[in-house]
Amino acid sequence: MKRITSIAVIVVSALFVGLAFCEPGEPTAYQRVHHHYEAIRQALLQETIEGIDVCASEIRKASEDVDSLDDSIEPEQKAVSKKVVADIHGAADRLARVTSLVEAREGFGILSEHLIRYQQLSSAGDSLAVYCSMVKKSWLQPQGEIGNPYVEPSMASCGEPLSK
């Protein structure tokens, strides 16, 4: 029963996150990355790794074209952003191959570090960066209630927004 509930929550969450794609035109590469990133965070909140491989592979694909990920980065920051995007690509590749919840949370932490850095370099996204001092990890999430993907559900509200 828990597995069915987890899958249902992930599907509903992915549909909710997918509402961002209802804007006119094609979603940007960053929007595609963030869409799949949020679906991974939702899976981890439900303590499952189901679907993480697919979402991580989609992040990897979306990050392949470094120059199209976001055009708001200042020219002097382009070299740094290319390195960060390469790091996102590599972290997503590793995350696509995890076989346990522990590995998934560790891989998500690495991916999160790179996505937070990318968001700091660009004007892409308005996600909230959150830090949990208990596990010493950060993540991105939509504005609103804290949802810590690194801890058991009873501790999911553990975390403090980072200043922008």
C-alpha atoms as a PDB file:
ATOM      1  CA  MET A   1       0.000   0.000   0.000  1.00  0.00           C
ATOM      2  CA  LYS A   2       2.826   2.391   0.869  1.00  0.00           C
ATOM      3  CA  ARG A   3       4.359   1.781  -2.579  1.00  0.00           C
ATOM      4  CA  ILE A   4       1.099   2.617  -4.368  1.00  0.00           C
ATOM      5  CA  THR A   5       0.653   5.750  -2.246  1.00  0.00           C
ATOM      6  CA  SER A   6       4.253   6.774  -2.978  1.00  0.00           C
ATOM      7  CA  ILE A   7       3.788   6.318  -6.707  1.00  0.00           C
ATOM      8  CA  ALA A   8       0.534   8.302  -6.629  1.00  0.00           C
ATOM      9  CA  VAL A   9       2.182  11.170  -4.752  1.00  0.00           C
ATOM     10  CA  ILE A  10       5.078  11.233  -7.227  1.00  0.00           C
ATOM     11  CA  VAL A  11       2.722  11.279 -10.204  1.00  0.00           C
ATOM     12  CA  VAL A  12       0.581  14.065  -8.712  1.00  0.00           C
ATOM     13  CA  SER A  13       3.700  16.022  -7.765  1.00  0.00           C
ATOM     14  CA  ALA A  14       5.146  15.640 -11.249  1.00  0.00           C
ATOM     15  CA  LEU A  15       1.859  16.866 -12.725  1.00  0.00           C
ATOM     16  CA  PHE A  16       1.877  19.856 -10.352  1.00  0.00           C
ATOM     17  CA  VAL A  17       5.465  20.691 -11.266  1.00  0.00           C
ATOM     18  CA  GLY A  18       4.540  20.187 -14.907  1.00  0.00           C
ATOM     19  CA  LEU A  19       2.091  23.086 -14.696  1.00  0.00           C
ATOM     20  CA  ALA A  20       5.106  25.327 -15.219  1.00  0.00           C
ATOM     21  CA  PHE A  21       5.165  23.957 -18.763  1.00  0.00           C
ATOM     22  CA  CYS A  22       1.724  25.393 -19.515  1.00  0.00           C
ATOM     23  CA  GLU A  23       3.244  28.749 -20.402  1.00  0.00           C
ATOM     24  CA  PRO A  24       3.273  29.580 -24.110  1.00  0.00           C
ATOM     25  CA  GLY A  25       6.216  28.219 -26.053  1.00  0.00           C
ATOM     26  CA  GLU A  26       8.646  25.452 -25.305  1.00  0.00           C
ATOM     27  CA  PRO A  27      10.088  25.138 -21.792  1.00  0.00           C
ATOM     28  CA  THR A  28      13.685  26.234 -21.460  1.00  0.00           C
ATOM     29  CA  ALA A  29      16.379  23.674 -20.786  1.00  0.00           C
ATOM     30  CA  TYR A  30      16.580  24.991 -17.211  1.00  0.00           C
ATOM     31  CA  GLN A  31      12.813  24.510 -16.750  1.00  0.00           C
ATOM     32  CA  ARG A  32      13.157  20.929 -17.993  1.00  0.00           C
ATOM     33  CA  VAL A  33      16.055  20.319 -15.611  1.00  0.00           C
ATOM     34  CA  HIS A  34      14.166  21.793 -12.681  1.00  0.00           C
ATOM     35  CA  HIS A  35      10.982  19.870 -13.532  1.00  0.00           C
ATOM     36  CA  HIS A  36      12.821  16.545 -13.267  1.00  0.00           C
ATOM     37  CA  TYR A  37      14.853  17.696 -10.262  1.00  0.00           C
ATOM     38  CA  GLU A  38      11.634  18.458  -8.373  1.00  0.00           C
ATOM     39  CA  ALA A  39      10.218  15.041  -9.298  1.00  0.00           C
ATOM     40  CA  ILE A  40      13.358  13.452  -7.786  1.00  0.00           C
ATOM     41  CA  ARG A  41      12.952  15.538  -4.620  1.00  0.00           C
ATOM     42  CA  GLN A  42       9.335  14.382  -4.364  1.00  0.00           C
ATOM     43  CA  ALA A  43      10.388  10.736  -4.738  1.00  0.00           C
ATOM     44  CA  LEU A  44      12.956  11.139  -1.970  1.00  0.00           C
ATOM     45  CA  LEU A  45      10.333  12.749   0.268  1.00  0.00           C
ATOM     46  CA  GLN A  46       8.343   9.529  -0.216  1.00  0.00           C
ATOM     47  CA  GLU A  47      11.461   7.443   0.509  1.00  0.00           C
ATOM     48  CA  THR A  48      11.515   5.779  -2.886  1.00  0.00           C
ATOM     49  CA  ILE A  49      14.003   5.693  -5.731  1.00  0.00           C
ATOM     50  CA  GLU A  50      11.383   4.684  -8.268  1.00  0.00           C
ATOM     51  CA  GLY A  51      11.579   6.943 -11.330  1.00  0.00           C
ATOM     52  CA  ILE A  52      14.777   8.677 -10.218  1.00  0.00           C
ATOM     53  CA  ASP A  53      16.791   7.003 -12.969  1.00  0.00           C
ATOM     54  CA  VAL A  54      14.475   8.358 -15.668  1.00  0.00           C
ATOM     55  CA  CYS A  55      14.359  11.872 -14.204  1.00  0.00           C
ATOM     56  CA  ALA A  56      18.138  11.983 -13.749  1.00  0.00           C
ATOM     57  CA  SER A  57      18.615  10.846 -17.359  1.00  0.00           C
ATOM     58  CA  GLU A  58      16.313  13.646 -18.517  1.00  0.00           C
ATOM     59  CA  ILE A  59      18.346  16.164 -16.498  1.00  0.00           C
ATOM     60  CA  ARG A  60      21.487  14.837 -18.140  1.00  0.00           C
ATOM     61  CA  LYS A  61      19.926  15.218 -21.602  1.00  0.00           C
ATOM     62  CA  ALA A  62      18.672  18.751 -20.908  1.00  0.00           C
ATOM     63  CA  SER A  63      22.092  19.815 -19.640  1.00  0.00           C
ATOM     64  CA  GLU A  64      23.952  18.532 -22.708  1.00  0.00           C
ATOM     65  CA  ASP A  65      23.497  21.781 -24.597  1.00  0.00           C
ATOM     66  CA  VAL A  66      25.321  24.106 -22.221  1.00  0.00           C
ATOM     67  CA  ASP A  67      24.694  27.259 -24.230  1.00  0.00           C
ATOM     68  CA  SER A  68      20.942  26.794 -24.371  1.00  0.00           C
ATOM     69  CA  LEU A  69      20.482  26.041 -20.675  1.00  0.00           C
ATOM     70  CA  ASP A  70      20.022  29.720 -19.927  1.00  0.00           C
ATOM     71  CA  ASP A  71      20.879  32.845 -21.855  1.00  0.00           C
ATOM     72  CA  SER A  72      20.673  35.212 -18.872  1.00  0.00           C
ATOM     73  CA  ILE A  73      24.222  34.524 -17.706  1.00  0.00           C
ATOM     74  CA  GLU A  74      26.552  37.471 -18.089  1.00  0.00           C
ATOM     75  CA  PRO A  75      29.297  36.929 -20.693  1.00  0.00           C
ATOM     76  CA  GLU A  76      32.045  37.099 -18.065  1.00  0.00           C
ATOM     77  CA  GLN A  77      30.336  34.238 -16.179  1.00  0.00           C
ATOM     78  CA  LYS A  78      29.973  31.927 -19.209  1.00  0.00           C
ATOM     79  CA  ALA A  79      33.154  29.928 -18.497  1.00  0.00           C
ATOM     80  CA  VAL A  80      32.088  29.358 -14.892  1.00  0.00           C
ATOM     81  CA  SER A  81      28.566  28.408 -15.953  1.00  0.00           C
ATOM     82  CA  LYS A  82      29.885  25.878 -18.491  1.00  0.00           C
ATOM     83  CA  LYS A  83      31.855  24.188 -15.705  1.00  0.00           C
ATOM     84  CA  VAL A  84      28.798  24.156 -13.425  1.00  0.00           C
ATOM     85  CA  VAL A  85      26.618  22.735 -16.206  1.00  0.00           C
ATOM     86  CA  ALA A  86      29.218  20.026 -16.842  1.00  0.00           C
ATOM     87  CA  ASP A  87      29.053  19.243 -13.117  1.00  0.00           C
ATOM     88  CA  ILE A  88      25.235  19.070 -13.306  1.00  0.00           C
ATOM     89  CA  HIS A  89      25.533  16.681 -16.246  1.00  0.00           C
ATOM     90  CA  GLY A  90      27.981  14.436 -14.377  1.00  0.00           C
ATOM     91  CA  ALA A  91      25.952  14.456 -11.151  1.00  0.00           C
ATOM     92  CA  ALA A  92      22.781  13.565 -13.072  1.00  0.00           C
ATOM     93  CA  ASP A  93      24.616  10.749 -14.816  1.00  0.00           C
ATOM     94  CA  ARG A  94      25.697   9.285 -11.460  1.00  0.00           C
ATOM     95  CA  LEU A  95      22.229   9.779  -9.971  1.00  0.00           C
ATOM     96  CA  ALA A  96      20.678   7.852 -12.873  1.00  0.00           C
ATOM     97  CA  ARG A  97      22.564   4.727 -11.738  1.00  0.00           C
ATOM     98  CA  VAL A  98      21.769   4.650  -8.008  1.00  0.00           C
ATOM     99  CA  THR A  99      20.389   1.465  -6.508  1.00  0.00           C
ATOM    100  CA  SER A 100      19.495   2.528  -2.977  1.00  0.00           C
ATOM    101  CA  LEU A 101      17.815   5.371  -1.125  1.00  0.00           C
ATOM    102  CA  VAL A 102      21.099   6.224   0.617  1.00  0.00           C
ATOM    103  CA  GLU A 103      22.906   6.526  -2.741  1.00  0.00           C
ATOM    104  CA  ALA A 104      20.012   8.536  -4.195  1.00  0.00           C
ATOM    105  CA  ARG A 105      20.075  11.039  -1.350  1.00  0.00           C
ATOM    106  CA  GLU A 106      23.846  11.389  -1.618  1.00  0.00           C
ATOM    107  CA  GLY A 107      23.634  11.862  -5.381  1.00  0.00           C
ATOM    108  CA  PHE A 108      20.783  14.331  -5.012  1.00  0.00           C
ATOM    109  CA  GLY A 109      22.929  16.349  -2.601  1.00  0.00           C
ATOM    110  CA  ILE A 110      25.713  16.601  -5.164  1.00  0.00           C
ATOM    111  CA  LEU A 111      23.283  17.546  -7.937  1.00  0.00           C
ATOM    112  CA  SER A 112      21.695  20.131  -5.635  1.00  0.00           C
ATOM    113  CA  GLU A 113      25.035  21.821  -4.927  1.00  0.00           C
ATOM    114  CA  HIS A 114      25.579  22.329  -8.645  1.00  0.00           C
ATOM    115  CA  LEU A 115      22.022  23.493  -9.375  1.00  0.00           C
ATOM    116  CA  ILE A 116      22.150  25.990  -6.514  1.00  0.00           C
ATOM    117  CA  ARG A 117      25.423  27.322  -7.884  1.00  0.00           C
ATOM    118  CA  TYR A 118      23.893  27.572 -11.355  1.00  0.00           C
ATOM    119  CA  GLN A 119      20.848  29.410 -10.032  1.00  0.00           C
ATOM    120  CA  GLN A 120      23.196  31.887  -8.302  1.00  0.00           C
ATOM    121  CA  LEU A 121      24.977  32.568 -11.616  1.00  0.00           C
ATOM    122  CA  SER A 122      21.842  33.061 -13.667  1.00  0.00           C
ATOM    123  CA  SER A 123      18.420  34.559 -13.409  1.00  0.00           C
ATOM    124  CA  ALA A 124      16.932  31.154 -14.168  1.00  0.00           C
ATOM    125  CA  GLY A 125      14.360  29.928 -11.707  1.00  0.00           C
ATOM    126  CA  ASP A 126      12.961  31.337  -8.521  1.00  0.00           C
ATOM    127  CA  SER A 127      13.324  28.214  -6.421  1.00  0.00           C
ATOM    128  CA  LEU A 128      14.040  28.478  -2.748  1.00  0.00           C
ATOM    129  CA  ALA A 129      17.453  27.194  -1.671  1.00  0.00           C
ATOM    130  CA  VAL A 130      17.160  25.435   1.689  1.00  0.00           C
ATOM    131  CA  TYR A 131      19.839  24.103   4.071  1.00  0.00           C
ATOM    132  CA  CYS A 132      19.518  21.405   6.724  1.00  0.00           C
ATOM    133  CA  SER A 133      22.149  21.753   9.436  1.00  0.00           C
ATOM    134  CA  MET A 134      21.376  18.256  10.694  1.00  0.00           C
ATOM    135  CA  VAL A 135      22.565  16.550   7.479  1.00  0.00           C
ATOM    136  CA  LYS A 136      24.656  19.507   6.264  1.00  0.00           C
ATOM    137  CA  LYS A 137      23.068  19.502   2.805  1.00  0.00           C
ATOM    138  CA  SER A 138      21.127  21.964   0.687  1.00  0.00           C
ATOM    139  CA  TRP A 139      18.475  21.628  -1.989  1.00  0.00           C
ATOM    140  CA  LEU A 140      16.149  23.673  -4.190  1.00  0.00           C
ATOM    141  CA  GLN A 141      12.396  23.599  -3.878  1.00  0.00           C
ATOM    142  CA  PRO A 142       9.348  25.698  -4.733  1.00  0.00           C
ATOM    143  CA  GLN A 143       8.483  28.500  -2.313  1.00  0.00           C
ATOM    144  CA  GLY A 144       6.335  27.303   0.588  1.00  0.00           C
ATOM    145  CA  GLU A 145       6.498  24.559   3.160  1.00  0.00           C
ATOM    146  CA  ILE A 146       9.950  23.022   3.663  1.00  0.00           C
ATOM    147  CA  GLY A 147      10.259  19.492   2.266  1.00  0.00           C
ATOM    148  CA  ASN A 148      13.630  17.996   3.223  1.00  0.00           C
ATOM    149  CA  PRO A 149      14.505  15.129   0.847  1.00  0.00           C
ATOM    150  CA  TYR A 150      17.409  13.866   2.979  1.00  0.00           C
ATOM    151  CA  VAL A 151      15.582  12.753   6.115  1.00  0.00           C
ATOM    152  CA  GLU A 152      12.731  10.497   7.129  1.00  0.00           C
ATOM    153  CA  PRO A 153       9.220  11.910   6.626  1.00  0.00           C
ATOM    154  CA  SER A 154       8.753  12.831  10.293  1.00  0.00           C
ATOM    155  CA  MET A 155      11.684  15.265   9.935  1.00  0.00           C
ATOM    156  CA  ALA A 156      10.751  16.629   6.488  1.00  0.00           C
ATOM    157  CA  SER A 157      10.247  20.167   7.801  1.00  0.00           C
ATOM    158  CA  CYS A 158      13.863  20.363   8.989  1.00  0.00           C
ATOM    159  CA  GLY A 159      15.633  23.098   7.056  1.00  0.00           C
ATOM    160  CA  GLU A 160      16.161  26.829   6.802  1.00  0.00           C
ATOM    161  CA  PRO A 161      15.952  28.971   3.659  1.00  0.00           C
ATOM    162  CA  LEU A 162      19.303  30.294   2.493  1.00  0.00           C
ATOM    163  CA  SER A 163      19.489  33.969   1.733  1.00  0.00           C
ATOM    164  CA  LYS A 164      19.533  34.757  -1.985  1.00  0.00           C
END
